[in-house]
Amino acid sequence: MNILSPRIHRFLDVATVLLFALAPTLFSLAGTAAVLSYGLAVVHLGVTLATEFPGGPARPLPLPAHGVLEVVVGVGLVALPWVLGWTGAARTFYIAVGAIIMLVWALSRYRPAPS
């Protein structure tokens, strides 16, 4: 559908970093679920900072590659609770955030707008 511009997408990436960083406290995640959430905050921040968004400085990760990473992570996060046998808050959180990441991926414009 491509209705989210790269600028809005970058803002949503920062919001995602904050969500992952705060999730253990906000959603009472513990153990592996909490550690993974903190790790995902760091990784998502790194990917966002490494991405070359239009109008920004040159960076090593092209925006279309950023999109590929996001859809792979989204699918992985939805599958993770079943793979690890999680229930409760951890299961709900990871399925929801994976689905949201895939929705943002589906709605984002990863290629320059036609002139």
N, C-alpha and C. Protein backbone atom coordinates (compact mmCIF):
# COMPACT_ATOMS: atom_id res chain seq x y z
N MET A 1 0.82 -1.18 0.00
CA MET A 1 0.00 0.00 0.00
C MET A 1 0.87 1.26 0.00
N ASN A 2 2.01 1.21 0.67
CA ASN A 2 3.00 2.28 0.63
C ASN A 2 2.47 3.65 1.06
N ILE A 3 1.73 3.70 2.16
CA ILE A 3 1.20 4.99 2.60
C ILE A 3 2.06 5.66 3.67
N LEU A 4 2.99 4.91 4.27
CA LEU A 4 3.88 5.49 5.28
C LEU A 4 5.17 5.94 4.61
N SER A 5 5.45 7.22 4.69
CA SER A 5 6.68 7.76 4.09
C SER A 5 7.89 7.29 4.89
N PRO A 6 9.08 7.36 4.30
CA PRO A 6 10.28 7.02 5.05
C PRO A 6 10.45 7.85 6.32
N ARG A 7 10.04 9.11 6.27
CA ARG A 7 10.15 9.97 7.46
C ARG A 7 9.27 9.44 8.60
N ILE A 8 8.05 9.08 8.29
CA ILE A 8 7.15 8.53 9.31
C ILE A 8 7.68 7.18 9.77
N HIS A 9 8.20 6.40 8.83
CA HIS A 9 8.74 5.09 9.18
C HIS A 9 9.90 5.23 10.17
N ARG A 10 10.76 6.21 9.94
CA ARG A 10 11.90 6.43 10.84
C ARG A 10 11.38 6.77 12.25
N PHE A 11 10.37 7.59 12.34
CA PHE A 11 9.76 7.91 13.63
C PHE A 11 9.22 6.64 14.30
N LEU A 12 8.54 5.79 13.54
CA LEU A 12 8.01 4.54 14.08
C LEU A 12 9.13 3.59 14.52
N ASP A 13 10.26 3.64 13.82
CA ASP A 13 11.42 2.84 14.24
C ASP A 13 11.91 3.26 15.62
N VAL A 14 11.98 4.56 15.85
CA VAL A 14 12.41 5.06 17.16
C VAL A 14 11.40 4.65 18.23
N ALA A 15 10.12 4.74 17.91
CA ALA A 15 9.08 4.31 18.84
C ALA A 15 9.21 2.81 19.16
N THR A 16 9.58 2.03 18.16
CA THR A 16 9.77 0.59 18.35
C THR A 16 10.94 0.32 19.28
N VAL A 17 12.02 1.06 19.12
CA VAL A 17 13.17 0.92 20.01
C VAL A 17 12.73 1.19 21.45
N LEU A 18 11.99 2.27 21.65
CA LEU A 18 11.51 2.60 23.00
C LEU A 18 10.58 1.51 23.55
N LEU A 19 9.71 0.99 22.69
CA LEU A 19 8.81 -0.07 23.12
C LEU A 19 9.58 -1.30 23.58
N PHE A 20 10.56 -1.74 22.79
CA PHE A 20 11.36 -2.90 23.19
C PHE A 20 12.13 -2.62 24.49
N ALA A 21 12.66 -1.42 24.64
CA ALA A 21 13.43 -1.08 25.84
C ALA A 21 12.56 -1.03 27.09
N LEU A 22 11.31 -0.60 26.94
CA LEU A 22 10.42 -0.45 28.09
C LEU A 22 9.52 -1.67 28.34
N ALA A 23 9.43 -2.56 27.37
CA ALA A 23 8.49 -3.69 27.45
C ALA A 23 8.66 -4.55 28.70
N PRO A 24 9.88 -4.88 29.11
CA PRO A 24 9.98 -5.71 30.32
C PRO A 24 9.31 -5.08 31.54
N THR A 25 9.40 -3.77 31.66
CA THR A 25 8.75 -3.08 32.77
C THR A 25 7.26 -2.93 32.54
N LEU A 26 6.89 -2.49 31.33
CA LEU A 26 5.48 -2.23 31.04
C LEU A 26 4.62 -3.49 31.04
N PHE A 27 5.19 -4.61 30.58
CA PHE A 27 4.41 -5.83 30.39
C PHE A 27 4.86 -6.98 31.29
N SER A 28 5.68 -6.67 32.28
CA SER A 28 6.16 -7.67 33.25
C SER A 28 6.84 -8.86 32.58
N LEU A 29 7.66 -8.57 31.58
CA LEU A 29 8.42 -9.63 30.94
C LEU A 29 9.61 -9.99 31.83
N ALA A 30 9.93 -11.27 31.90
CA ALA A 30 11.04 -11.72 32.74
C ALA A 30 11.88 -12.73 31.97
N GLY A 31 13.04 -13.02 32.49
CA GLY A 31 13.90 -14.05 31.93
C GLY A 31 14.29 -13.77 30.49
N THR A 32 14.23 -14.81 29.69
CA THR A 32 14.62 -14.72 28.28
C THR A 32 13.79 -13.70 27.52
N ALA A 33 12.51 -13.61 27.82
CA ALA A 33 11.64 -12.65 27.13
C ALA A 33 12.11 -11.22 27.38
N ALA A 34 12.53 -10.91 28.59
CA ALA A 34 13.01 -9.57 28.92
C ALA A 34 14.37 -9.30 28.27
N VAL A 35 15.28 -10.24 28.40
CA VAL A 35 16.62 -10.07 27.81
C VAL A 35 16.51 -9.89 26.31
N LEU A 36 15.67 -10.68 25.66
CA LEU A 36 15.48 -10.56 24.23
C LEU A 36 14.91 -9.20 23.86
N SER A 37 13.98 -8.70 24.65
CA SER A 37 13.40 -7.39 24.37
C SER A 37 14.46 -6.29 24.44
N TYR A 38 15.31 -6.34 25.46
CA TYR A 38 16.41 -5.36 25.56
C TYR A 38 17.36 -5.49 24.37
N GLY A 39 17.66 -6.73 24.01
CA GLY A 39 18.54 -6.96 22.86
C GLY A 39 17.93 -6.44 21.56
N LEU A 40 16.63 -6.66 21.40
CA LEU A 40 15.96 -6.17 20.19
C LEU A 40 15.94 -4.65 20.14
N ALA A 41 15.86 -3.99 21.30
CA ALA A 41 15.93 -2.52 21.33
C ALA A 41 17.27 -2.06 20.79
N VAL A 42 18.34 -2.69 21.21
CA VAL A 42 19.69 -2.32 20.76
C VAL A 42 19.85 -2.60 19.27
N VAL A 43 19.42 -3.78 18.84
CA VAL A 43 19.56 -4.16 17.43
C VAL A 43 18.72 -3.24 16.54
N HIS A 44 17.49 -2.98 16.96
CA HIS A 44 16.62 -2.12 16.14
C HIS A 44 17.17 -0.70 16.06
N LEU A 45 17.75 -0.21 17.16
CA LEU A 45 18.38 1.10 17.13
C LEU A 45 19.56 1.10 16.17
N GLY A 46 20.37 0.06 16.23
CA GLY A 46 21.52 -0.05 15.31
C GLY A 46 21.10 -0.08 13.85
N VAL A 47 20.06 -0.86 13.55
CA VAL A 47 19.57 -0.95 12.17
C VAL A 47 19.02 0.41 11.72
N THR A 48 18.27 1.07 12.60
CA THR A 48 17.71 2.38 12.25
C THR A 48 18.82 3.40 12.00
N LEU A 49 19.83 3.42 12.85
CA LEU A 49 20.94 4.36 12.68
C LEU A 49 21.79 4.04 11.45
N ALA A 50 21.81 2.78 11.05
CA ALA A 50 22.61 2.37 9.88
C ALA A 50 21.86 2.53 8.56
N THR A 51 20.56 2.84 8.62
CA THR A 51 19.74 2.91 7.42
C THR A 51 19.85 4.27 6.74
N GLU A 52 20.00 4.24 5.44
CA GLU A 52 20.04 5.46 4.64
C GLU A 52 18.61 5.86 4.27
N PHE A 53 18.07 6.77 5.05
CA PHE A 53 16.73 7.29 4.76
C PHE A 53 16.86 8.44 3.76
N PRO A 54 15.89 8.61 2.86
CA PRO A 54 15.95 9.71 1.89
C PRO A 54 16.11 11.07 2.59
N GLY A 55 16.99 11.88 2.04
CA GLY A 55 17.22 13.21 2.59
C GLY A 55 18.18 13.22 3.76
N GLY A 56 18.62 12.07 4.19
CA GLY A 56 19.55 11.97 5.31
C GLY A 56 20.95 11.68 4.83
N PRO A 57 21.87 11.55 5.75
CA PRO A 57 23.26 11.27 5.37
C PRO A 57 23.40 9.85 4.80
N ALA A 58 24.47 9.65 4.06
CA ALA A 58 24.76 8.33 3.50
C ALA A 58 25.02 7.35 4.64
N ARG A 59 24.41 6.20 4.57
CA ARG A 59 24.56 5.15 5.59
C ARG A 59 24.75 3.83 4.86
N PRO A 60 25.26 2.82 5.55
CA PRO A 60 25.57 1.55 4.88
C PRO A 60 24.38 0.68 4.51
N LEU A 61 23.23 0.88 5.13
CA LEU A 61 22.08 -0.01 4.88
C LEU A 61 21.03 0.70 4.03
N PRO A 62 20.81 0.24 2.80
CA PRO A 62 19.77 0.85 1.97
C PRO A 62 18.39 0.62 2.58
N LEU A 63 17.50 1.56 2.39
CA LEU A 63 16.15 1.46 2.95
C LEU A 63 15.42 0.19 2.50
N PRO A 64 15.52 -0.24 1.24
CA PRO A 64 14.84 -1.49 0.88
C PRO A 64 15.36 -2.70 1.67
N ALA A 65 16.65 -2.74 1.96
CA ALA A 65 17.20 -3.83 2.78
C ALA A 65 16.67 -3.76 4.21
N HIS A 66 16.50 -2.56 4.72
CA HIS A 66 15.89 -2.33 6.03
C HIS A 66 14.50 -2.98 6.05
N GLY A 67 13.76 -2.79 4.97
CA GLY A 67 12.42 -3.37 4.87
C GLY A 67 12.44 -4.89 4.89
N VAL A 68 13.41 -5.48 4.21
CA VAL A 68 13.53 -6.95 4.20
C VAL A 68 13.80 -7.45 5.62
N LEU A 69 14.72 -6.78 6.32
CA LEU A 69 15.01 -7.17 7.70
C LEU A 69 13.76 -7.10 8.57
N GLU A 70 12.98 -6.05 8.40
CA GLU A 70 11.79 -5.88 9.23
C GLU A 70 10.76 -6.98 9.02
N VAL A 71 10.51 -7.35 7.81
CA VAL A 71 9.50 -8.39 7.59
C VAL A 71 10.00 -9.73 8.14
N VAL A 72 11.28 -10.01 8.00
CA VAL A 72 11.83 -11.26 8.56
C VAL A 72 11.71 -11.25 10.08
N VAL A 73 12.05 -10.14 10.71
CA VAL A 73 11.94 -10.03 12.16
C VAL A 73 10.47 -10.14 12.59
N GLY A 74 9.57 -9.49 11.87
CA GLY A 74 8.16 -9.57 12.21
C GLY A 74 7.64 -11.00 12.22
N VAL A 75 7.96 -11.75 11.19
CA VAL A 75 7.53 -13.15 11.10
C VAL A 75 8.16 -13.94 12.25
N GLY A 76 9.44 -13.70 12.48
CA GLY A 76 10.14 -14.41 13.56
C GLY A 76 9.54 -14.13 14.92
N LEU A 77 9.18 -12.89 15.17
CA LEU A 77 8.60 -12.54 16.47
C LEU A 77 7.24 -13.19 16.69
N VAL A 78 6.45 -13.29 15.63
CA VAL A 78 5.15 -13.95 15.75
C VAL A 78 5.34 -15.45 16.04
N ALA A 79 6.34 -16.06 15.44
CA ALA A 79 6.58 -17.50 15.63
C ALA A 79 7.27 -17.82 16.95
N LEU A 80 8.02 -16.89 17.47
CA LEU A 80 8.87 -17.12 18.64
C LEU A 80 8.15 -17.71 19.85
N PRO A 81 6.99 -17.22 20.25
CA PRO A 81 6.34 -17.79 21.43
C PRO A 81 6.03 -19.28 21.30
N TRP A 82 5.71 -19.73 20.10
CA TRP A 82 5.43 -21.15 19.91
C TRP A 82 6.73 -21.95 19.94
N VAL A 83 7.77 -21.41 19.35
CA VAL A 83 9.06 -22.11 19.33
C VAL A 83 9.59 -22.27 20.75
N LEU A 84 9.47 -21.24 21.57
CA LEU A 84 10.00 -21.28 22.93
C LEU A 84 8.98 -21.70 23.98
N GLY A 85 7.73 -21.95 23.57
CA GLY A 85 6.71 -22.40 24.50
C GLY A 85 6.24 -21.34 25.48
N TRP A 86 6.33 -20.07 25.08
CA TRP A 86 5.91 -18.99 25.97
C TRP A 86 4.39 -18.90 26.04
N THR A 87 3.92 -18.46 27.20
CA THR A 87 2.50 -18.19 27.41
C THR A 87 2.39 -16.82 28.07
N GLY A 88 1.18 -16.40 28.34
CA GLY A 88 0.95 -15.17 29.09
C GLY A 88 1.43 -13.92 28.40
N ALA A 89 1.98 -13.01 29.21
CA ALA A 89 2.38 -11.68 28.71
C ALA A 89 3.44 -11.76 27.62
N ALA A 90 4.42 -12.64 27.78
CA ALA A 90 5.48 -12.75 26.79
C ALA A 90 4.91 -13.16 25.43
N ARG A 91 4.05 -14.15 25.45
CA ARG A 91 3.44 -14.61 24.20
C ARG A 91 2.63 -13.49 23.54
N THR A 92 1.79 -12.84 24.31
CA THR A 92 0.97 -11.76 23.79
C THR A 92 1.81 -10.63 23.24
N PHE A 93 2.82 -10.22 23.99
CA PHE A 93 3.68 -9.12 23.56
C PHE A 93 4.38 -9.44 22.24
N TYR A 94 5.04 -10.58 22.16
CA TYR A 94 5.82 -10.88 20.95
C TYR A 94 4.94 -11.11 19.72
N ILE A 95 3.79 -11.71 19.89
CA ILE A 95 2.88 -11.87 18.75
C ILE A 95 2.38 -10.50 18.30
N ALA A 96 1.99 -9.65 19.25
CA ALA A 96 1.46 -8.33 18.90
C ALA A 96 2.52 -7.46 18.24
N VAL A 97 3.71 -7.41 18.81
CA VAL A 97 4.74 -6.55 18.23
C VAL A 97 5.19 -7.09 16.87
N GLY A 98 5.23 -8.40 16.70
CA GLY A 98 5.56 -8.97 15.39
C GLY A 98 4.52 -8.61 14.35
N ALA A 99 3.25 -8.69 14.73
CA ALA A 99 2.16 -8.32 13.81
C ALA A 99 2.22 -6.83 13.47
N ILE A 100 2.51 -6.00 14.45
CA ILE A 100 2.61 -4.55 14.19
C ILE A 100 3.77 -4.25 13.26
N ILE A 101 4.90 -4.89 13.47
CA ILE A 101 6.06 -4.68 12.59
C ILE A 101 5.72 -5.10 11.16
N MET A 102 5.01 -6.22 11.00
CA MET A 102 4.63 -6.64 9.65
C MET A 102 3.62 -5.67 9.03
N LEU A 103 2.72 -5.12 9.83
CA LEU A 103 1.77 -4.14 9.32
C LEU A 103 2.50 -2.87 8.87
N VAL A 104 3.43 -2.39 9.68
CA VAL A 104 4.20 -1.21 9.29
C VAL A 104 5.00 -1.51 8.02
N TRP A 105 5.56 -2.72 7.92
CA TRP A 105 6.29 -3.11 6.72
C TRP A 105 5.36 -3.05 5.50
N ALA A 106 4.16 -3.59 5.65
CA ALA A 106 3.22 -3.62 4.52
C ALA A 106 2.77 -2.23 4.10
N LEU A 107 2.76 -1.29 5.03
CA LEU A 107 2.27 0.06 4.73
C LEU A 107 3.38 1.05 4.38
N SER A 108 4.64 0.64 4.50
CA SER A 108 5.75 1.57 4.29
C SER A 108 6.23 1.62 2.86
N ARG A 109 6.73 2.79 2.50
CA ARG A 109 7.32 3.01 1.17
C ARG A 109 8.83 2.90 1.31
N TYR A 110 9.39 1.81 0.79
CA TYR A 110 10.83 1.56 0.91
C TYR A 110 11.60 2.03 -0.33
N ARG A 111 10.90 2.45 -1.33
CA ARG A 111 11.54 2.97 -2.54
C ARG A 111 11.19 4.46 -2.67
N PRO A 112 12.02 5.24 -3.35
CA PRO A 112 11.70 6.66 -3.52
C PRO A 112 10.37 6.84 -4.24
N ALA A 113 9.66 7.89 -3.84
CA ALA A 113 8.39 8.20 -4.50
C ALA A 113 8.66 8.61 -5.93
N PRO A 114 7.80 8.22 -6.86
CA PRO A 114 7.99 8.61 -8.27
C PRO A 114 7.92 10.13 -8.41
N SER A 115 8.78 10.66 -9.27
CA SER A 115 8.81 12.12 -9.48
C SER A 115 7.76 12.57 -10.46
